[in-house]
Amino acid sequence: MDATLAGTRCARCERVYFPPLAIGCEACGAPEDQLRPMEITARGTIHALARVHGEKPCTVAEIQLDDGPLIRAVLSSDRPRIGDVVRAADGQVFG
């Protein structure tokens, strides 16, 4: 079973947000009471990559989640490529 992330979905326009919004929908302007909690599957496709150099080098990716939002995450994979499908390993690191 895939890990999940806590998000919100707008009841009016169905837009999904991560992290959760609590100020109203940015897409349609619906008020806060129209945002519903939602579990977002932590699985998606790599959209962009950046290698960060320093004491602890890592790879950061923009991941288009299957449930909609585009997020940034640190990858555990050594050789990720744009287009790879990734899923959360422990809720924070994708690989």
N, C-alpha and C. Protein backbone atom coordinates (compact mmCIF):
# COMPACT_ATOMS: atom_id res chain seq x y z
N MET A 1 0.84 -1.19 0.00
CA MET A 1 0.00 0.00 0.00
C MET A 1 0.88 1.25 0.00
N ASP A 2 0.52 2.22 -0.82
CA ASP A 2 1.29 3.45 -0.92
C ASP A 2 1.07 4.34 0.29
N ALA A 3 2.11 5.08 0.66
CA ALA A 3 2.00 6.06 1.73
C ALA A 3 1.07 7.18 1.25
N THR A 4 0.54 7.93 2.21
CA THR A 4 -0.33 9.05 1.85
C THR A 4 0.17 10.34 2.50
N LEU A 5 -0.27 11.44 1.94
CA LEU A 5 0.02 12.77 2.44
C LEU A 5 -1.31 13.44 2.80
N ALA A 6 -1.31 14.27 3.83
CA ALA A 6 -2.53 14.99 4.21
C ALA A 6 -2.68 16.21 3.31
N GLY A 7 -3.80 16.30 2.64
CA GLY A 7 -4.06 17.43 1.75
C GLY A 7 -5.47 17.92 1.92
N THR A 8 -5.89 18.80 1.02
CA THR A 8 -7.27 19.27 0.99
C THR A 8 -7.76 19.28 -0.45
N ARG A 9 -9.10 19.16 -0.59
CA ARG A 9 -9.75 19.24 -1.90
C ARG A 9 -10.88 20.25 -1.78
N CYS A 10 -10.99 21.09 -2.78
CA CYS A 10 -12.06 22.07 -2.82
C CYS A 10 -13.35 21.38 -3.24
N ALA A 11 -14.40 21.54 -2.45
CA ALA A 11 -15.69 20.93 -2.77
C ALA A 11 -16.34 21.58 -3.99
N ARG A 12 -15.97 22.82 -4.28
CA ARG A 12 -16.59 23.54 -5.40
C ARG A 12 -15.93 23.18 -6.73
N CYS A 13 -14.59 23.26 -6.81
CA CYS A 13 -13.92 23.05 -8.10
C CYS A 13 -13.10 21.76 -8.17
N GLU A 14 -12.98 21.03 -7.04
CA GLU A 14 -12.27 19.75 -6.97
C GLU A 14 -10.75 19.87 -7.02
N ARG A 15 -10.21 21.09 -6.95
CA ARG A 15 -8.75 21.27 -6.93
C ARG A 15 -8.17 20.64 -5.67
N VAL A 16 -7.04 19.93 -5.81
CA VAL A 16 -6.38 19.26 -4.69
C VAL A 16 -5.13 20.05 -4.32
N TYR A 17 -4.91 20.22 -3.01
CA TYR A 17 -3.76 20.99 -2.52
C TYR A 17 -2.91 20.18 -1.55
N PHE A 18 -1.61 20.35 -1.68
CA PHE A 18 -0.65 19.87 -0.68
C PHE A 18 0.47 20.89 -0.64
N PRO A 19 0.80 21.37 0.57
CA PRO A 19 0.19 21.05 1.85
C PRO A 19 -1.24 21.58 1.91
N PRO A 20 -2.00 21.12 2.92
CA PRO A 20 -3.41 21.52 3.03
C PRO A 20 -3.56 23.04 3.13
N LEU A 21 -4.59 23.54 2.51
CA LEU A 21 -4.92 24.97 2.61
C LEU A 21 -5.95 25.17 3.72
N ALA A 22 -5.93 26.33 4.33
CA ALA A 22 -6.93 26.66 5.34
C ALA A 22 -7.42 28.09 5.15
N ILE A 23 -7.23 28.65 3.98
CA ILE A 23 -7.61 30.05 3.74
C ILE A 23 -8.60 30.18 2.61
N GLY A 24 -9.10 29.11 2.06
CA GLY A 24 -9.98 29.16 0.91
C GLY A 24 -9.24 28.68 -0.33
N CYS A 25 -10.01 28.38 -1.36
CA CYS A 25 -9.44 27.83 -2.59
C CYS A 25 -8.76 28.91 -3.43
N GLU A 26 -7.52 28.68 -3.81
CA GLU A 26 -6.78 29.62 -4.65
C GLU A 26 -7.26 29.60 -6.10
N ALA A 27 -7.90 28.50 -6.52
CA ALA A 27 -8.31 28.37 -7.92
C ALA A 27 -9.66 29.04 -8.20
N CYS A 28 -10.65 28.79 -7.34
CA CYS A 28 -12.00 29.31 -7.62
C CYS A 28 -12.49 30.33 -6.61
N GLY A 29 -11.73 30.53 -5.52
CA GLY A 29 -12.12 31.52 -4.52
C GLY A 29 -13.13 31.03 -3.50
N ALA A 30 -13.42 29.72 -3.50
CA ALA A 30 -14.37 29.20 -2.50
C ALA A 30 -13.84 29.47 -1.10
N PRO A 31 -14.73 29.72 -0.13
CA PRO A 31 -14.28 30.00 1.24
C PRO A 31 -13.72 28.75 1.91
N GLU A 32 -13.04 28.99 3.03
CA GLU A 32 -12.38 27.92 3.79
C GLU A 32 -13.29 26.74 4.09
N ASP A 33 -14.56 26.99 4.37
CA ASP A 33 -15.47 25.89 4.73
C ASP A 33 -15.77 24.95 3.56
N GLN A 34 -15.31 25.30 2.35
CA GLN A 34 -15.48 24.42 1.19
C GLN A 34 -14.28 23.50 0.96
N LEU A 35 -13.23 23.64 1.80
CA LEU A 35 -12.05 22.77 1.69
C LEU A 35 -12.24 21.55 2.58
N ARG A 36 -12.05 20.37 2.01
CA ARG A 36 -12.24 19.12 2.73
C ARG A 36 -10.90 18.40 2.88
N PRO A 37 -10.65 17.82 4.06
CA PRO A 37 -9.42 17.03 4.23
C PRO A 37 -9.42 15.86 3.24
N MET A 38 -8.24 15.49 2.80
CA MET A 38 -8.11 14.39 1.83
C MET A 38 -6.76 13.73 1.98
N GLU A 39 -6.75 12.42 1.83
CA GLU A 39 -5.48 11.69 1.78
C GLU A 39 -5.04 11.64 0.32
N ILE A 40 -3.81 12.09 0.07
CA ILE A 40 -3.25 12.10 -1.28
C ILE A 40 -2.24 10.97 -1.37
N THR A 41 -2.37 10.12 -2.37
CA THR A 41 -1.41 9.05 -2.56
C THR A 41 -0.05 9.64 -2.89
N ALA A 42 0.97 9.23 -2.15
CA ALA A 42 2.33 9.75 -2.31
C ALA A 42 3.06 9.01 -3.42
N ARG A 43 2.51 9.12 -4.63
CA ARG A 43 3.07 8.47 -5.82
C ARG A 43 2.88 9.43 -6.99
N GLY A 44 3.92 9.54 -7.83
CA GLY A 44 3.80 10.41 -8.98
C GLY A 44 4.98 10.28 -9.92
N THR A 45 5.07 11.21 -10.85
CA THR A 45 6.08 11.18 -11.91
C THR A 45 7.02 12.37 -11.76
N ILE A 46 8.31 12.10 -11.90
CA ILE A 46 9.31 13.17 -11.80
C ILE A 46 9.14 14.13 -12.98
N HIS A 47 9.00 15.40 -12.64
CA HIS A 47 8.78 16.47 -13.61
C HIS A 47 10.08 17.25 -13.85
N ALA A 48 10.90 17.41 -12.78
CA ALA A 48 12.17 18.14 -12.88
C ALA A 48 13.10 17.66 -11.77
N LEU A 49 14.42 17.81 -11.99
CA LEU A 49 15.43 17.35 -11.03
C LEU A 49 16.49 18.42 -10.81
N ALA A 50 17.04 18.42 -9.58
CA ALA A 50 18.18 19.29 -9.27
C ALA A 50 19.08 18.54 -8.30
N ARG A 51 20.37 18.51 -8.60
CA ARG A 51 21.35 17.89 -7.70
C ARG A 51 21.89 18.99 -6.79
N VAL A 52 21.79 18.77 -5.47
CA VAL A 52 22.26 19.74 -4.49
C VAL A 52 23.60 19.24 -3.96
N HIS A 53 24.64 20.07 -4.08
CA HIS A 53 25.97 19.70 -3.64
C HIS A 53 26.25 20.37 -2.30
N GLY A 54 27.04 19.72 -1.47
CA GLY A 54 27.37 20.26 -0.15
C GLY A 54 27.82 19.15 0.76
N GLU A 55 27.70 19.35 2.07
CA GLU A 55 28.11 18.31 3.03
C GLU A 55 27.37 17.01 2.81
N LYS A 56 26.07 17.11 2.56
CA LYS A 56 25.24 15.92 2.30
C LYS A 56 24.57 16.10 0.95
N PRO A 57 25.24 15.73 -0.14
CA PRO A 57 24.62 15.88 -1.46
C PRO A 57 23.31 15.11 -1.55
N CYS A 58 22.37 15.66 -2.29
CA CYS A 58 21.09 14.98 -2.47
C CYS A 58 20.47 15.43 -3.79
N THR A 59 19.43 14.75 -4.18
CA THR A 59 18.69 15.12 -5.38
C THR A 59 17.29 15.54 -4.96
N VAL A 60 16.89 16.72 -5.42
CA VAL A 60 15.56 17.24 -5.16
C VAL A 60 14.78 17.16 -6.47
N ALA A 61 13.53 16.74 -6.38
CA ALA A 61 12.72 16.60 -7.59
C ALA A 61 11.39 17.31 -7.42
N GLU A 62 10.87 17.79 -8.53
CA GLU A 62 9.48 18.19 -8.59
C GLU A 62 8.73 16.97 -9.09
N ILE A 63 7.72 16.58 -8.33
CA ILE A 63 6.97 15.36 -8.63
C ILE A 63 5.50 15.72 -8.84
N GLN A 64 4.99 15.35 -10.01
CA GLN A 64 3.57 15.54 -10.29
C GLN A 64 2.83 14.34 -9.70
N LEU A 65 2.16 14.55 -8.57
CA LEU A 65 1.47 13.44 -7.92
C LEU A 65 0.30 12.95 -8.76
N ASP A 66 0.02 11.67 -8.67
CA ASP A 66 -1.10 11.08 -9.41
C ASP A 66 -2.42 11.76 -9.05
N ASP A 67 -2.54 12.23 -7.80
CA ASP A 67 -3.77 12.88 -7.34
C ASP A 67 -3.83 14.37 -7.67
N GLY A 68 -2.79 14.93 -8.34
CA GLY A 68 -2.89 16.30 -8.81
C GLY A 68 -1.77 17.25 -8.47
N PRO A 69 -1.47 17.49 -7.18
CA PRO A 69 -0.50 18.54 -6.85
C PRO A 69 0.92 18.24 -7.35
N LEU A 70 1.66 19.33 -7.62
CA LEU A 70 3.08 19.25 -7.94
C LEU A 70 3.82 19.58 -6.65
N ILE A 71 4.68 18.66 -6.19
CA ILE A 71 5.40 18.86 -4.93
C ILE A 71 6.90 18.77 -5.17
N ARG A 72 7.67 19.20 -4.18
CA ARG A 72 9.13 19.00 -4.19
C ARG A 72 9.46 17.99 -3.10
N ALA A 73 10.41 17.10 -3.40
CA ALA A 73 10.81 16.07 -2.43
C ALA A 73 12.27 15.69 -2.66
N VAL A 74 12.89 15.20 -1.61
CA VAL A 74 14.25 14.66 -1.69
C VAL A 74 14.12 13.21 -2.13
N LEU A 75 14.95 12.82 -3.10
CA LEU A 75 14.89 11.45 -3.62
C LEU A 75 15.94 10.56 -2.98
N SER A 76 15.58 9.30 -2.81
CA SER A 76 16.55 8.33 -2.31
C SER A 76 17.22 7.57 -3.45
N SER A 77 16.68 7.67 -4.64
CA SER A 77 17.24 7.00 -5.81
C SER A 77 18.55 7.65 -6.24
N ASP A 78 19.52 6.83 -6.64
CA ASP A 78 20.83 7.34 -7.07
C ASP A 78 20.81 7.91 -8.48
N ARG A 79 19.97 7.38 -9.33
CA ARG A 79 19.97 7.79 -10.73
C ARG A 79 18.56 8.08 -11.25
N PRO A 80 17.90 9.04 -10.64
CA PRO A 80 16.54 9.35 -11.11
C PRO A 80 16.58 10.04 -12.46
N ARG A 81 15.49 9.89 -13.21
CA ARG A 81 15.37 10.55 -14.50
C ARG A 81 13.98 11.18 -14.61
N ILE A 82 13.91 12.25 -15.34
CA ILE A 82 12.60 12.85 -15.60
C ILE A 82 11.73 11.80 -16.27
N GLY A 83 10.51 11.67 -15.79
CA GLY A 83 9.58 10.67 -16.32
C GLY A 83 9.48 9.42 -15.46
N ASP A 84 10.45 9.21 -14.53
CA ASP A 84 10.39 8.06 -13.63
C ASP A 84 9.19 8.20 -12.70
N VAL A 85 8.54 7.08 -12.41
CA VAL A 85 7.47 7.04 -11.42
C VAL A 85 8.11 6.72 -10.08
N VAL A 86 7.77 7.52 -9.07
CA VAL A 86 8.34 7.35 -7.72
C VAL A 86 7.21 7.33 -6.70
N ARG A 87 7.52 6.76 -5.54
CA ARG A 87 6.54 6.74 -4.43
C ARG A 87 7.29 6.98 -3.14
N ALA A 88 6.56 7.45 -2.15
CA ALA A 88 7.17 7.75 -0.85
C ALA A 88 7.67 6.47 -0.19
N ALA A 89 8.89 6.55 0.36
CA ALA A 89 9.46 5.41 1.07
C ALA A 89 9.12 5.48 2.55
N ASP A 90 9.12 6.68 3.14
CA ASP A 90 8.80 6.80 4.56
C ASP A 90 7.98 8.06 4.84
N GLY A 91 7.27 8.54 3.85
CA GLY A 91 6.47 9.73 4.02
C GLY A 91 7.20 11.02 3.69
N GLN A 92 8.55 10.96 3.59
CA GLN A 92 9.31 12.17 3.28
C GLN A 92 10.24 11.98 2.10
N VAL A 93 10.82 10.81 1.98
CA VAL A 93 11.80 10.56 0.92
C VAL A 93 11.18 9.71 -0.17
N PHE A 94 11.28 10.16 -1.40
CA PHE A 94 10.76 9.40 -2.52
C PHE A 94 11.89 8.61 -3.16
N GLY A 95 11.55 7.50 -3.78
CA GLY A 95 12.58 6.73 -4.46
C GLY A 95 12.01 5.67 -5.33
